[in-house]
Structures are given as structure tokens and as C-alpha cells.
Amino acid sequence: MKYFKSIIVVFFISLSYEKSKAQAISYYPFGNAQQLSIATNPTKVIWMDFRFQMNSFISSLNTEPALMVNLGYTRNANFYVGGGANLGIVGAIIDNRRLVNGYFGSFGVRAYPFEKASKISINFELSPYVQYDGAAGQFRAWLGVGYHFGGK
């Protein structure tokens, strides 16, 4: 458990030391659960993404910090992979639940299809998820819209 807590601390420290804080914000209304994403600059080779579950009770509010790596770029899209942990921070504090609920991988694309609104992205991601003990899992898909403050 100490190992997992250390990983969580590293995720949050790396976000706080980033030169420019949140560079992109996205909303994923389509998928298993609605999520709000706050990310460092997603056009860099390595970036962090923090997702907050939007449609749940406070005590079961899940947060997903993830480290992402861009694999390739085209004129209008970024293709990336990454992974992270599904954390129940509030539940761990309030109800003494397990902090780490599970782990996930991410394979996605951030497309910038609008020439006149080049900061708006359409995001699609496939994300296999497994519970902390490996007993169960699911294959998740996310579809959302984002805004990149720094431009494409």
C-alpha cells in the first residue's frame, strides 16, 4: 500500500511542478461515466491527465491520474498511449475504503477538426480497466470534447 501511495504523490507533485499548469480541459459525456479532464500540454511528447468522475456520490467520487505519451502527430491530430490508476480518494478518507480501485491503460486520439476553432478538439479513447486485485475488468471507451488553452 505504501508503494501505491508513493505513486499517487508522484503524480500530483509532477503536475504541480509543471511550468504551465492546466493546458487543456476536456469533458467526456459519453462512456461508462461522465468525466472532466484537466491535462498538462497534450501536444508535448509526455503529459499528465487528471480525470474526475462527474456522475457519482461524493463518497464514491473517483479520480484517475494518468501519464500519457504522444506516439505521433498529424496536422490535425495527436495519437497517444498511457496509463494510470483509478483512485477513490474521497471514499478512502470518509469511509475508510481502499485508495486504489484499479488500473487502466489508454489508447486515444485528440483530433482538431475545426480550422477556424483550432483550439477545440474531439477526443476518442479506448481504455481497458482492471480492478486492483485482477478479479474483474472492463473495456471502456470515451468520447468527448476538449479545449486546448495553448492552441493546437
N, C-alpha and C. Protein backbone atom coordinates (compact mmCIF):
# COMPACT_ATOMS: atom_id res chain seq x y z
N MET A 1 0.82 -1.19 0.00
CA MET A 1 0.00 0.00 0.00
C MET A 1 0.86 1.26 0.00
N LYS A 2 2.00 1.22 0.67
CA LYS A 2 2.89 2.38 0.69
C LYS A 2 3.40 2.69 -0.71
N TYR A 3 3.63 1.63 -1.51
CA TYR A 3 4.09 1.81 -2.88
C TYR A 3 3.07 2.59 -3.70
N PHE A 4 1.80 2.25 -3.56
CA PHE A 4 0.74 2.91 -4.32
C PHE A 4 0.56 4.36 -3.87
N LYS A 5 0.68 4.61 -2.58
CA LYS A 5 0.58 5.98 -2.08
C LYS A 5 1.73 6.82 -2.63
N SER A 6 2.90 6.23 -2.76
CA SER A 6 4.04 6.95 -3.33
C SER A 6 3.78 7.32 -4.78
N ILE A 7 3.17 6.42 -5.53
CA ILE A 7 2.84 6.69 -6.93
C ILE A 7 1.88 7.86 -7.03
N ILE A 8 0.87 7.88 -6.17
CA ILE A 8 -0.11 8.96 -6.17
C ILE A 8 0.58 10.29 -5.89
N VAL A 9 1.46 10.31 -4.90
CA VAL A 9 2.17 11.54 -4.55
C VAL A 9 3.01 12.02 -5.73
N VAL A 10 3.68 11.11 -6.43
CA VAL A 10 4.50 11.49 -7.58
C VAL A 10 3.63 12.11 -8.68
N PHE A 11 2.44 11.55 -8.93
CA PHE A 11 1.55 12.11 -9.95
C PHE A 11 1.19 13.56 -9.61
N PHE A 12 0.79 13.80 -8.38
CA PHE A 12 0.35 15.14 -8.00
C PHE A 12 1.51 16.13 -7.94
N ILE A 13 2.68 15.70 -7.51
CA ILE A 13 3.84 16.58 -7.48
C ILE A 13 4.27 16.95 -8.89
N SER A 14 4.23 15.98 -9.80
CA SER A 14 4.65 16.27 -11.17
C SER A 14 3.73 17.29 -11.82
N LEU A 15 2.46 17.24 -11.49
CA LEU A 15 1.53 18.23 -12.03
C LEU A 15 1.83 19.61 -11.46
N SER A 16 2.12 19.68 -10.18
CA SER A 16 2.36 20.98 -9.55
C SER A 16 3.67 21.61 -9.99
N TYR A 17 4.66 20.82 -10.41
CA TYR A 17 5.92 21.37 -10.85
C TYR A 17 5.95 21.69 -12.35
N GLU A 18 4.91 21.34 -13.03
CA GLU A 18 4.84 21.64 -14.47
C GLU A 18 4.91 23.15 -14.66
N LYS A 19 5.70 23.61 -15.62
CA LYS A 19 5.87 25.05 -15.85
C LYS A 19 4.53 25.75 -16.05
N SER A 20 3.73 25.21 -16.92
CA SER A 20 2.44 25.80 -17.18
C SER A 20 1.37 24.82 -16.69
N LYS A 21 0.57 25.27 -15.79
CA LYS A 21 -0.43 24.39 -15.15
C LYS A 21 -1.35 23.78 -16.20
N ALA A 22 -2.63 23.78 -15.97
CA ALA A 22 -3.57 23.15 -16.89
C ALA A 22 -3.51 23.80 -18.27
N GLN A 23 -3.23 23.01 -19.27
CA GLN A 23 -3.15 23.49 -20.64
C GLN A 23 -4.36 23.07 -21.47
N ALA A 24 -5.10 22.07 -20.98
CA ALA A 24 -6.25 21.60 -21.72
C ALA A 24 -7.30 21.10 -20.74
N ILE A 25 -8.54 21.28 -21.12
CA ILE A 25 -9.65 20.77 -20.33
C ILE A 25 -10.59 20.05 -21.29
N SER A 26 -11.09 18.91 -20.86
CA SER A 26 -11.98 18.12 -21.71
C SER A 26 -13.15 17.61 -20.89
N TYR A 27 -14.24 17.37 -21.58
CA TYR A 27 -15.42 16.79 -20.95
C TYR A 27 -15.83 15.56 -21.77
N TYR A 28 -15.99 14.45 -21.07
CA TYR A 28 -16.34 13.18 -21.71
C TYR A 28 -17.75 12.79 -21.26
N PRO A 29 -18.80 13.21 -21.99
CA PRO A 29 -20.16 12.85 -21.59
C PRO A 29 -20.57 11.44 -22.03
N PHE A 30 -19.82 10.86 -22.96
CA PHE A 30 -20.17 9.55 -23.49
C PHE A 30 -19.15 8.53 -23.01
N GLY A 31 -19.62 7.50 -22.35
CA GLY A 31 -18.75 6.45 -21.81
C GLY A 31 -19.39 5.86 -20.57
N ASN A 32 -18.62 5.12 -19.81
CA ASN A 32 -19.13 4.48 -18.60
C ASN A 32 -19.61 5.51 -17.59
N ALA A 33 -18.89 6.58 -17.44
CA ALA A 33 -19.23 7.64 -16.50
C ALA A 33 -18.76 8.96 -17.09
N GLN A 34 -19.49 10.01 -16.83
CA GLN A 34 -19.07 11.31 -17.32
C GLN A 34 -17.81 11.72 -16.57
N GLN A 35 -16.86 12.29 -17.33
CA GLN A 35 -15.60 12.68 -16.71
C GLN A 35 -15.19 14.07 -17.16
N LEU A 36 -14.55 14.79 -16.25
CA LEU A 36 -13.92 16.07 -16.55
C LEU A 36 -12.42 15.83 -16.49
N SER A 37 -11.72 16.25 -17.52
CA SER A 37 -10.28 16.02 -17.61
C SER A 37 -9.54 17.35 -17.60
N ILE A 38 -8.50 17.42 -16.77
CA ILE A 38 -7.61 18.56 -16.76
C ILE A 38 -6.22 18.01 -17.06
N ALA A 39 -5.59 18.55 -18.09
CA ALA A 39 -4.32 17.99 -18.56
C ALA A 39 -3.26 19.07 -18.69
N THR A 40 -2.00 18.63 -18.55
CA THR A 40 -0.89 19.50 -18.92
C THR A 40 -0.91 19.55 -20.45
N ASN A 41 0.06 20.14 -21.07
CA ASN A 41 0.06 20.35 -22.51
C ASN A 41 0.03 19.03 -23.28
N PRO A 42 -1.12 18.67 -23.88
CA PRO A 42 -1.23 17.39 -24.58
C PRO A 42 -0.53 17.34 -25.94
N THR A 43 0.09 18.42 -26.35
CA THR A 43 0.85 18.38 -27.60
C THR A 43 2.32 18.06 -27.36
N LYS A 44 2.73 18.05 -26.09
CA LYS A 44 4.11 17.65 -25.77
C LYS A 44 4.23 16.13 -25.85
N VAL A 45 5.44 15.64 -25.90
CA VAL A 45 5.66 14.20 -26.02
C VAL A 45 5.11 13.47 -24.79
N ILE A 46 5.39 13.98 -23.59
CA ILE A 46 4.90 13.36 -22.36
C ILE A 46 4.04 14.39 -21.64
N TRP A 47 2.86 13.97 -21.19
CA TRP A 47 1.95 14.88 -20.50
C TRP A 47 1.12 14.11 -19.47
N MET A 48 0.56 14.86 -18.53
CA MET A 48 -0.27 14.28 -17.47
C MET A 48 -1.73 14.62 -17.70
N ASP A 49 -2.59 13.69 -17.35
CA ASP A 49 -4.03 13.88 -17.47
C ASP A 49 -4.67 13.48 -16.15
N PHE A 50 -5.50 14.34 -15.61
CA PHE A 50 -6.23 14.06 -14.38
C PHE A 50 -7.71 14.10 -14.68
N ARG A 51 -8.40 12.98 -14.45
CA ARG A 51 -9.83 12.88 -14.74
C ARG A 51 -10.62 12.72 -13.47
N PHE A 52 -11.73 13.41 -13.44
CA PHE A 52 -12.60 13.40 -12.27
C PHE A 52 -13.99 12.92 -12.69
N GLN A 53 -14.48 11.89 -12.04
CA GLN A 53 -15.78 11.33 -12.35
C GLN A 53 -16.85 12.32 -11.94
N MET A 54 -17.81 12.58 -12.82
CA MET A 54 -18.79 13.63 -12.59
C MET A 54 -20.17 13.15 -12.15
N ASN A 55 -20.49 11.90 -12.35
CA ASN A 55 -21.86 11.46 -12.07
C ASN A 55 -21.90 10.43 -10.95
N SER A 56 -21.41 10.80 -9.78
CA SER A 56 -21.41 9.87 -8.67
C SER A 56 -21.60 10.60 -7.36
N PHE A 57 -21.88 9.87 -6.31
CA PHE A 57 -21.96 10.45 -4.99
C PHE A 57 -20.57 10.88 -4.56
N ILE A 58 -20.50 11.86 -3.70
CA ILE A 58 -19.21 12.38 -3.24
C ILE A 58 -18.32 11.28 -2.65
N SER A 59 -18.91 10.37 -1.89
CA SER A 59 -18.09 9.34 -1.24
C SER A 59 -17.51 8.33 -2.21
N SER A 60 -18.07 8.25 -3.43
CA SER A 60 -17.52 7.32 -4.41
C SER A 60 -16.92 8.05 -5.61
N LEU A 61 -16.61 9.32 -5.43
CA LEU A 61 -16.00 10.12 -6.48
C LEU A 61 -14.62 9.56 -6.81
N ASN A 62 -14.42 9.17 -8.05
CA ASN A 62 -13.14 8.60 -8.47
C ASN A 62 -12.32 9.61 -9.25
N THR A 63 -11.02 9.53 -9.08
CA THR A 63 -10.07 10.37 -9.79
C THR A 63 -9.09 9.45 -10.50
N GLU A 64 -8.73 9.81 -11.71
CA GLU A 64 -7.81 8.98 -12.49
C GLU A 64 -6.62 9.82 -12.98
N PRO A 65 -5.52 9.82 -12.26
CA PRO A 65 -4.31 10.45 -12.80
C PRO A 65 -3.64 9.50 -13.79
N ALA A 66 -3.14 10.04 -14.88
CA ALA A 66 -2.52 9.20 -15.90
C ALA A 66 -1.33 9.91 -16.53
N LEU A 67 -0.33 9.14 -16.86
CA LEU A 67 0.83 9.62 -17.61
C LEU A 67 0.61 9.22 -19.06
N MET A 68 0.65 10.18 -19.98
CA MET A 68 0.40 9.91 -21.40
C MET A 68 1.65 10.22 -22.22
N VAL A 69 1.79 9.49 -23.31
CA VAL A 69 2.91 9.68 -24.24
C VAL A 69 2.34 9.77 -25.65
N ASN A 70 2.64 10.86 -26.34
CA ASN A 70 2.21 11.00 -27.73
C ASN A 70 3.08 10.13 -28.62
N LEU A 71 2.42 9.33 -29.43
CA LEU A 71 3.12 8.44 -30.36
C LEU A 71 3.35 9.08 -31.71
N GLY A 72 2.42 9.93 -32.12
CA GLY A 72 2.54 10.54 -33.42
C GLY A 72 1.62 11.73 -33.57
N TYR A 73 1.96 12.55 -34.52
CA TYR A 73 1.19 13.76 -34.79
C TYR A 73 0.87 13.82 -36.27
N THR A 74 -0.29 14.31 -36.59
CA THR A 74 -0.59 14.71 -37.95
C THR A 74 -0.94 16.19 -37.88
N ARG A 75 -1.31 16.76 -38.98
CA ARG A 75 -1.64 18.18 -38.99
C ARG A 75 -2.81 18.49 -38.06
N ASN A 76 -3.75 17.54 -37.93
CA ASN A 76 -4.96 17.80 -37.16
C ASN A 76 -5.21 16.81 -36.03
N ALA A 77 -4.22 16.04 -35.60
CA ALA A 77 -4.48 15.06 -34.55
C ALA A 77 -3.20 14.66 -33.81
N ASN A 78 -3.39 14.25 -32.57
CA ASN A 78 -2.33 13.65 -31.75
C ASN A 78 -2.78 12.25 -31.36
N PHE A 79 -1.92 11.27 -31.52
CA PHE A 79 -2.21 9.90 -31.14
C PHE A 79 -1.36 9.55 -29.92
N TYR A 80 -1.98 9.00 -28.88
CA TYR A 80 -1.26 8.79 -27.62
C TYR A 80 -1.61 7.47 -26.96
N VAL A 81 -0.74 7.05 -26.04
CA VAL A 81 -0.97 5.90 -25.16
C VAL A 81 -0.57 6.33 -23.76
N GLY A 82 -1.03 5.60 -22.80
CA GLY A 82 -0.67 5.91 -21.43
C GLY A 82 -1.37 4.99 -20.46
N GLY A 83 -1.30 5.34 -19.21
CA GLY A 83 -1.96 4.53 -18.20
C GLY A 83 -1.89 5.20 -16.85
N GLY A 84 -2.67 4.67 -15.94
CA GLY A 84 -2.69 5.24 -14.60
C GLY A 84 -3.51 4.39 -13.65
N ALA A 85 -3.93 5.02 -12.58
CA ALA A 85 -4.68 4.33 -11.53
C ALA A 85 -6.01 5.02 -11.31
N ASN A 86 -7.01 4.23 -10.97
CA ASN A 86 -8.32 4.74 -10.58
C ASN A 86 -8.33 4.84 -9.07
N LEU A 87 -8.43 6.06 -8.56
CA LEU A 87 -8.31 6.30 -7.13
C LEU A 87 -9.64 6.73 -6.53
N GLY A 88 -9.95 6.19 -5.38
CA GLY A 88 -11.11 6.61 -4.61
C GLY A 88 -10.65 7.43 -3.42
N ILE A 89 -10.14 8.62 -3.68
CA ILE A 89 -9.53 9.44 -2.62
C ILE A 89 -10.55 9.83 -1.56
N VAL A 90 -11.71 10.33 -1.98
CA VAL A 90 -12.72 10.77 -1.02
C VAL A 90 -13.25 9.59 -0.22
N GLY A 91 -13.53 8.47 -0.89
CA GLY A 91 -14.00 7.28 -0.20
C GLY A 91 -12.99 6.74 0.80
N ALA A 92 -11.71 6.86 0.47
CA ALA A 92 -10.66 6.40 1.39
C ALA A 92 -10.61 7.27 2.63
N ILE A 93 -10.87 8.55 2.46
CA ILE A 93 -10.84 9.47 3.59
C ILE A 93 -12.12 9.35 4.44
N ILE A 94 -13.26 9.38 3.79
CA ILE A 94 -14.54 9.41 4.51
C ILE A 94 -14.95 8.04 5.03
N ASP A 95 -14.94 7.04 4.16
CA ASP A 95 -15.47 5.71 4.51
C ASP A 95 -14.40 4.67 4.79
N ASN A 96 -13.14 5.08 4.82
CA ASN A 96 -12.03 4.16 5.05
C ASN A 96 -12.01 3.03 4.02
N ARG A 97 -12.33 3.38 2.77
CA ARG A 97 -12.29 2.41 1.67
C ARG A 97 -10.88 2.32 1.12
N ARG A 98 -10.70 1.42 0.18
CA ARG A 98 -9.41 1.23 -0.49
C ARG A 98 -9.11 2.47 -1.34
N LEU A 99 -7.87 2.93 -1.31
CA LEU A 99 -7.48 4.10 -2.09
C LEU A 99 -7.41 3.78 -3.58
N VAL A 100 -6.75 2.68 -3.94
CA VAL A 100 -6.60 2.31 -5.35
C VAL A 100 -7.68 1.30 -5.71
N ASN A 101 -8.58 1.72 -6.63
CA ASN A 101 -9.66 0.83 -7.08
C ASN A 101 -9.20 -0.10 -8.19
N GLY A 102 -8.30 0.40 -9.04
CA GLY A 102 -7.85 -0.40 -10.17
C GLY A 102 -6.86 0.37 -11.02
N TYR A 103 -6.54 -0.23 -12.18
CA TYR A 103 -5.54 0.34 -13.08
C TYR A 103 -6.10 0.32 -14.50
N PHE A 104 -5.62 1.23 -15.32
CA PHE A 104 -6.12 1.31 -16.69
C PHE A 104 -5.02 1.69 -17.66
N GLY A 105 -5.24 1.34 -18.89
CA GLY A 105 -4.40 1.78 -19.99
C GLY A 105 -5.22 2.69 -20.87
N SER A 106 -4.58 3.49 -21.68
CA SER A 106 -5.30 4.41 -22.56
C SER A 106 -4.66 4.41 -23.94
N PHE A 107 -5.51 4.37 -24.95
CA PHE A 107 -5.09 4.47 -26.35
C PHE A 107 -6.06 5.44 -26.99
N GLY A 108 -5.57 6.62 -27.40
CA GLY A 108 -6.52 7.61 -27.85
C GLY A 108 -6.00 8.55 -28.92
N VAL A 109 -6.92 9.42 -29.34
CA VAL A 109 -6.62 10.45 -30.32
C VAL A 109 -7.33 11.73 -29.90
N ARG A 110 -6.62 12.84 -30.06
CA ARG A 110 -7.20 14.17 -29.89
C ARG A 110 -7.15 14.80 -31.28
N ALA A 111 -8.32 14.93 -31.88
CA ALA A 111 -8.41 15.49 -33.23
C ALA A 111 -8.85 16.95 -33.15
N TYR A 112 -8.25 17.77 -33.99
CA TYR A 112 -8.58 19.19 -34.07
C TYR A 112 -9.17 19.45 -35.46
N PRO A 113 -10.48 19.15 -35.63
CA PRO A 113 -11.06 19.16 -36.97
C PRO A 113 -11.51 20.53 -37.48
N PHE A 114 -11.56 21.52 -36.61
CA PHE A 114 -12.11 22.81 -37.00
C PHE A 114 -11.00 23.82 -37.27
N GLU A 115 -10.90 24.23 -38.52
CA GLU A 115 -9.83 25.15 -38.91
C GLU A 115 -9.98 26.51 -38.24
N LYS A 116 -11.18 27.01 -38.14
CA LYS A 116 -11.40 28.34 -37.56
C LYS A 116 -11.44 28.30 -36.03
N ALA A 117 -11.61 27.14 -35.46
CA ALA A 117 -11.59 26.97 -33.99
C ALA A 117 -10.56 25.90 -33.67
N SER A 118 -9.29 26.24 -33.90
CA SER A 118 -8.23 25.24 -33.83
C SER A 118 -7.90 24.78 -32.41
N LYS A 119 -8.45 25.44 -31.39
CA LYS A 119 -8.19 25.04 -30.01
C LYS A 119 -9.18 23.99 -29.51
N ILE A 120 -10.23 23.75 -30.26
CA ILE A 120 -11.25 22.77 -29.87
C ILE A 120 -10.87 21.41 -30.42
N SER A 121 -10.97 20.39 -29.57
CA SER A 121 -10.63 19.03 -30.01
C SER A 121 -11.80 18.09 -29.78
N ILE A 122 -11.83 17.06 -30.59
CA ILE A 122 -12.74 15.93 -30.39
C ILE A 122 -11.84 14.79 -29.93
N ASN A 123 -12.13 14.23 -28.76
CA ASN A 123 -11.27 13.21 -28.16
C ASN A 123 -11.97 11.86 -28.17
N PHE A 124 -11.23 10.84 -28.56
CA PHE A 124 -11.73 9.47 -28.51
C PHE A 124 -10.66 8.60 -27.88
N GLU A 125 -11.06 7.74 -26.96
CA GLU A 125 -10.08 6.93 -26.24
C GLU A 125 -10.65 5.55 -25.91
N LEU A 126 -9.84 4.54 -26.07
CA LEU A 126 -10.14 3.19 -25.61
C LEU A 126 -9.30 2.95 -24.37
N SER A 127 -9.93 2.37 -23.35
CA SER A 127 -9.25 2.29 -22.06
C SER A 127 -9.59 1.00 -21.33
N PRO A 128 -8.77 -0.05 -21.49
CA PRO A 128 -9.00 -1.26 -20.70
C PRO A 128 -8.73 -0.99 -19.22
N TYR A 129 -9.60 -1.53 -18.37
CA TYR A 129 -9.52 -1.28 -16.93
C TYR A 129 -9.56 -2.61 -16.19
N VAL A 130 -8.76 -2.75 -15.14
CA VAL A 130 -8.77 -3.95 -14.32
C VAL A 130 -8.80 -3.53 -12.85
N GLN A 131 -9.56 -4.27 -12.05
CA GLN A 131 -9.63 -3.98 -10.62
C GLN A 131 -8.27 -4.21 -9.97
N TYR A 132 -8.08 -3.65 -8.80
CA TYR A 132 -6.80 -3.71 -8.09
C TYR A 132 -6.29 -5.13 -7.91
N ASP A 133 -7.20 -6.09 -7.72
CA ASP A 133 -6.78 -7.48 -7.47
C ASP A 133 -6.82 -8.34 -8.73
N GLY A 134 -7.20 -7.77 -9.86
CA GLY A 134 -7.25 -8.51 -11.11
C GLY A 134 -8.46 -9.41 -11.24
N ALA A 135 -9.40 -9.32 -10.32
CA ALA A 135 -10.57 -10.21 -10.32
C ALA A 135 -11.56 -9.89 -11.44
N ALA A 136 -11.63 -8.64 -11.86
CA ALA A 136 -12.58 -8.25 -12.90
C ALA A 136 -12.02 -7.06 -13.65
N GLY A 137 -12.61 -6.81 -14.79
CA GLY A 137 -12.18 -5.67 -15.58
C GLY A 137 -13.24 -5.31 -16.59
N GLN A 138 -12.97 -4.29 -17.34
CA GLN A 138 -13.89 -3.88 -18.39
C GLN A 138 -13.13 -3.13 -19.47
N PHE A 139 -13.71 -3.08 -20.64
CA PHE A 139 -13.12 -2.35 -21.75
C PHE A 139 -13.93 -1.08 -21.93
N ARG A 140 -13.34 0.05 -21.60
CA ARG A 140 -14.05 1.32 -21.62
C ARG A 140 -13.73 2.08 -22.90
N ALA A 141 -14.66 2.92 -23.31
CA ALA A 141 -14.46 3.82 -24.44
C ALA A 141 -14.99 5.19 -24.04
N TRP A 142 -14.23 6.23 -24.37
CA TRP A 142 -14.59 7.60 -24.03
C TRP A 142 -14.68 8.43 -25.30
N LEU A 143 -15.68 9.27 -25.37
CA LEU A 143 -15.83 10.23 -26.46
C LEU A 143 -16.14 11.58 -25.83
N GLY A 144 -15.38 12.60 -26.19
CA GLY A 144 -15.60 13.89 -25.58
C GLY A 144 -15.08 15.04 -26.42
N VAL A 145 -15.20 16.21 -25.85
CA VAL A 145 -14.76 17.44 -26.50
C VAL A 145 -13.81 18.16 -25.55
N GLY A 146 -12.81 18.82 -26.13
CA GLY A 146 -11.82 19.49 -25.31
C GLY A 146 -11.47 20.87 -25.82
N TYR A 147 -10.80 21.61 -24.96
CA TYR A 147 -10.31 22.94 -25.33
C TYR A 147 -8.85 23.04 -24.88
N HIS A 148 -7.97 23.38 -25.81
CA HIS A 148 -6.54 23.48 -25.53
C HIS A 148 -6.19 24.96 -25.41
N PHE A 149 -5.90 25.39 -24.20
CA PHE A 149 -5.65 26.82 -23.95
C PHE A 149 -4.44 27.33 -24.71
N GLY A 150 -3.42 26.52 -24.87
CA GLY A 150 -2.22 26.95 -25.56
C GLY A 150 -2.32 26.91 -27.06
N GLY A 151 -3.43 26.48 -27.58
CA GLY A 151 -3.56 26.31 -29.03
C GLY A 151 -3.08 24.94 -29.44
N LYS A 152 -3.37 24.58 -30.66
CA LYS A 152 -3.02 23.25 -31.14
C LYS A 152 -1.55 23.11 -31.37
